[in-house]
Amino acid sequence: IGSNMASRVFEGRRGIKPSAKRPAVALDHALTFDVPGAGFAEPAFAAISSRTGSECHGVLYTISPLDWLRLCASEAVPVAYVPAFLTVECYDGRRVEAVSLQAAPGLPRRRGGTD
């Protein structure tokens, strides 16, 4: 599950072709912008963080193992991010085991990051 919902980026620029995609929510998680970015163009990057009582809405993509590796390479796993295994709830009520990306342990956090 992720916040990168723009098809032109996920499918176009990155070349990842999901076999399915559906809206979902990760309960007890929040979307944060505390991973240091690249200057004024992108001052912070998003990550998912465990936070009781919060909800992180996004898109649940079904992708191939090769596309998962491509995604990890484009997101600097394991330097900037590490996989986060969680259960998400699709908007139709189904619960699904999913993987997202959280900030890597020890990564300096951007001060003043927002949720």
C-alpha atoms as a PDB file:
ATOM      1  CA  ILE A   1       0.000   0.000   0.000  1.00  0.00           C
ATOM      2  CA  GLY A   2       1.377   3.401  -0.779  1.00  0.00           C
ATOM      3  CA  SER A   3       0.749   7.067  -1.217  1.00  0.00           C
ATOM      4  CA  ASN A   4       2.087   7.145  -4.769  1.00  0.00           C
ATOM      5  CA  MET A   5      -1.315   7.024  -6.422  1.00  0.00           C
ATOM      6  CA  ALA A   6      -0.488   8.869  -9.653  1.00  0.00           C
ATOM      7  CA  SER A   7      -0.585   6.287 -12.450  1.00  0.00           C
ATOM      8  CA  ARG A   8       1.674   8.444 -14.617  1.00  0.00           C
ATOM      9  CA  VAL A   9       4.417   8.128 -11.981  1.00  0.00           C
ATOM     10  CA  PHE A  10       3.898   4.592 -10.703  1.00  0.00           C
ATOM     11  CA  GLU A  11       3.196   3.017 -14.085  1.00  0.00           C
ATOM     12  CA  GLY A  12       4.659   5.594 -16.467  1.00  0.00           C
ATOM     13  CA  ARG A  13       7.933   6.858 -15.023  1.00  0.00           C
ATOM     14  CA  ARG A  14       8.743   3.775 -12.930  1.00  0.00           C
ATOM     15  CA  GLY A  15       7.461   1.234 -15.448  1.00  0.00           C
ATOM     16  CA  ILE A  16       5.585  -0.784 -12.794  1.00  0.00           C
ATOM     17  CA  LYS A  17       2.477  -2.508 -14.119  1.00  0.00           C
ATOM     18  CA  PRO A  18       0.096  -3.577 -11.328  1.00  0.00           C
ATOM     19  CA  SER A  19      -2.207  -6.496 -12.072  1.00  0.00           C
ATOM     20  CA  ALA A  20      -4.738  -4.956  -9.667  1.00  0.00           C
ATOM     21  CA  LYS A  21      -5.174  -1.769  -7.668  1.00  0.00           C
ATOM     22  CA  ARG A  22      -7.790  -0.799  -5.132  1.00  0.00           C
ATOM     23  CA  PRO A  23      -8.246   1.848  -2.452  1.00  0.00           C
ATOM     24  CA  ALA A  24      -7.441   0.720   1.069  1.00  0.00           C
ATOM     25  CA  VAL A  25      -6.627   1.994   4.535  1.00  0.00           C
ATOM     26  CA  ALA A  26      -3.878   0.945   6.932  1.00  0.00           C
ATOM     27  CA  LEU A  27      -5.395   1.210  10.400  1.00  0.00           C
ATOM     28  CA  ASP A  28      -3.170   2.416  13.242  1.00  0.00           C
ATOM     29  CA  HIS A  29      -0.723   3.909  10.741  1.00  0.00           C
ATOM     30  CA  ALA A  30      -0.100   7.477   9.553  1.00  0.00           C
ATOM     31  CA  LEU A  31       1.459   9.018   6.480  1.00  0.00           C
ATOM     32  CA  THR A  32       4.375  11.207   7.541  1.00  0.00           C
ATOM     33  CA  PHE A  33       6.713  13.510   5.624  1.00  0.00           C
ATOM     34  CA  ASP A  34       9.822  13.304   7.765  1.00  0.00           C
ATOM     35  CA  VAL A  35      12.302  11.538   5.458  1.00  0.00           C
ATOM     36  CA  PRO A  36      14.798  14.186   4.275  1.00  0.00           C
ATOM     37  CA  GLY A  37      14.326  15.127   0.642  1.00  0.00           C
ATOM     38  CA  ALA A  38      16.221  16.984  -2.044  1.00  0.00           C
ATOM     39  CA  GLY A  39      16.178  20.721  -1.414  1.00  0.00           C
ATOM     40  CA  PHE A  40      13.307  22.954  -2.460  1.00  0.00           C
ATOM     41  CA  ALA A  41      12.062  20.666  -5.246  1.00  0.00           C
ATOM     42  CA  GLU A  42      11.157  17.881  -2.801  1.00  0.00           C
ATOM     43  CA  PRO A  43      12.024  18.908   0.765  1.00  0.00           C
ATOM     44  CA  ALA A  44      10.659  15.695   2.311  1.00  0.00           C
ATOM     45  CA  PHE A  45       9.583  12.224   1.268  1.00  0.00           C
ATOM     46  CA  ALA A  46       6.611  10.289   2.594  1.00  0.00           C
ATOM     47  CA  ALA A  47       6.743   7.204   4.800  1.00  0.00           C
ATOM     48  CA  ILE A  48       4.211   5.130   6.693  1.00  0.00           C
ATOM     49  CA  SER A  49       4.556   5.086  10.472  1.00  0.00           C
ATOM     50  CA  SER A  50       2.812   3.082  13.160  1.00  0.00           C
ATOM     51  CA  ARG A  51       0.454   5.378  15.067  1.00  0.00           C
ATOM     52  CA  THR A  52      -2.405   4.051  17.205  1.00  0.00           C
ATOM     53  CA  GLY A  53      -5.755   5.535  16.255  1.00  0.00           C
ATOM     54  CA  SER A  54      -4.585   6.920  12.904  1.00  0.00           C
ATOM     55  CA  GLU A  55      -5.522   5.864   9.388  1.00  0.00           C
ATOM     56  CA  CYS A  56      -3.326   5.923   6.292  1.00  0.00           C
ATOM     57  CA  HIS A  57      -5.397   5.856   3.104  1.00  0.00           C
ATOM     58  CA  GLY A  58      -3.708   4.803  -0.105  1.00  0.00           C
ATOM     59  CA  VAL A  59      -3.708   2.396  -3.003  1.00  0.00           C
ATOM     60  CA  LEU A  60      -3.180  -1.337  -2.606  1.00  0.00           C
ATOM     61  CA  TYR A  61      -1.268  -2.511  -5.675  1.00  0.00           C
ATOM     62  CA  THR A  62      -0.761  -6.133  -6.699  1.00  0.00           C
ATOM     63  CA  ILE A  63       2.615  -6.276  -8.440  1.00  0.00           C
ATOM     64  CA  SER A  64       5.005  -8.975  -9.611  1.00  0.00           C
ATOM     65  CA  PRO A  65       8.155  -9.933  -7.670  1.00  0.00           C
ATOM     66  CA  LEU A  66      10.247  -8.239 -10.391  1.00  0.00           C
ATOM     67  CA  ASP A  67       8.231  -5.022 -10.061  1.00  0.00           C
ATOM     68  CA  TRP A  68       8.629  -5.211  -6.251  1.00  0.00           C
ATOM     69  CA  LEU A  69      12.419  -5.292  -6.744  1.00  0.00           C
ATOM     70  CA  ARG A  70      12.167  -2.377  -9.199  1.00  0.00           C
ATOM     71  CA  LEU A  71      10.091  -0.417  -6.674  1.00  0.00           C
ATOM     72  CA  CYS A  72      12.567  -1.138  -3.860  1.00  0.00           C
ATOM     73  CA  ALA A  73      15.471   0.007  -6.034  1.00  0.00           C
ATOM     74  CA  SER A  74      13.677   3.246  -6.947  1.00  0.00           C
ATOM     75  CA  GLU A  75      12.943   3.953  -3.256  1.00  0.00           C
ATOM     76  CA  ALA A  76      16.491   3.289  -1.972  1.00  0.00           C
ATOM     77  CA  VAL A  77      15.571   0.194   0.084  1.00  0.00           C
ATOM     78  CA  PRO A  78      17.254  -0.565   2.544  1.00  0.00           C
ATOM     79  CA  VAL A  79      19.140   2.753   2.857  1.00  0.00           C
ATOM     80  CA  ALA A  80      16.170   5.156   3.106  1.00  0.00           C
ATOM     81  CA  TYR A  81      13.266   2.726   3.609  1.00  0.00           C
ATOM     82  CA  VAL A  82      12.564  -0.805   4.827  1.00  0.00           C
ATOM     83  CA  PRO A  83       9.503  -2.984   4.189  1.00  0.00           C
ATOM     84  CA  ALA A  84       6.627  -2.672   6.658  1.00  0.00           C
ATOM     85  CA  PHE A  85       4.339  -5.700   6.801  1.00  0.00           C
ATOM     86  CA  LEU A  86       0.788  -4.846   7.811  1.00  0.00           C
ATOM     87  CA  THR A  87      -2.864  -5.705   7.414  1.00  0.00           C
ATOM     88  CA  VAL A  88      -4.934  -3.234   5.414  1.00  0.00           C
ATOM     89  CA  GLU A  89      -8.656  -2.902   4.946  1.00  0.00           C
ATOM     90  CA  CYS A  90      -9.928  -2.415   1.406  1.00  0.00           C
ATOM     91  CA  TYR A  91     -12.800   0.017   0.990  1.00  0.00           C
ATOM     92  CA  ASP A  92     -15.055  -2.988   0.263  1.00  0.00           C
ATOM     93  CA  GLY A  93     -14.320  -4.318   3.788  1.00  0.00           C
ATOM     94  CA  ARG A  94     -11.857  -7.101   2.888  1.00  0.00           C
ATOM     95  CA  ARG A  95      -8.709  -7.344   5.008  1.00  0.00           C
ATOM     96  CA  VAL A  96      -5.489  -8.096   3.140  1.00  0.00           C
ATOM     97  CA  GLU A  97      -1.870  -8.652   4.180  1.00  0.00           C
ATOM     98  CA  ALA A  98       0.239  -5.972   2.512  1.00  0.00           C
ATOM     99  CA  VAL A  99       3.697  -4.448   2.385  1.00  0.00           C
ATOM    100  CA  SER A 100       4.485  -0.748   2.497  1.00  0.00           C
ATOM    101  CA  LEU A 101       7.682   1.205   3.125  1.00  0.00           C
ATOM    102  CA  GLN A 102       8.699   2.859   6.372  1.00  0.00           C
ATOM    103  CA  ALA A 103      11.720   5.010   7.097  1.00  0.00           C
ATOM    104  CA  ALA A 104      14.837   2.936   7.712  1.00  0.00           C
ATOM    105  CA  PRO A 105      15.950   2.703  11.356  1.00  0.00           C
ATOM    106  CA  GLY A 106      18.686   5.192  12.111  1.00  0.00           C
ATOM    107  CA  LEU A 107      17.791   7.419   9.167  1.00  0.00           C
ATOM    108  CA  PRO A 108      18.056  11.073  10.171  1.00  0.00           C
ATOM    109  CA  ARG A 109      14.520  12.475  10.304  1.00  0.00           C
ATOM    110  CA  ARG A 110      13.539  15.761   8.774  1.00  0.00           C
ATOM    111  CA  ARG A 111      12.757  18.280  11.498  1.00  0.00           C
ATOM    112  CA  GLY A 112       9.286  19.711  11.287  1.00  0.00           C
ATOM    113  CA  GLY A 113       7.939  16.792   9.260  1.00  0.00           C
ATOM    114  CA  THR A 114       4.179  16.729   8.987  1.00  0.00           C
ATOM    115  CA  ASP A 115       1.488  14.094   8.851  1.00  0.00           C
END
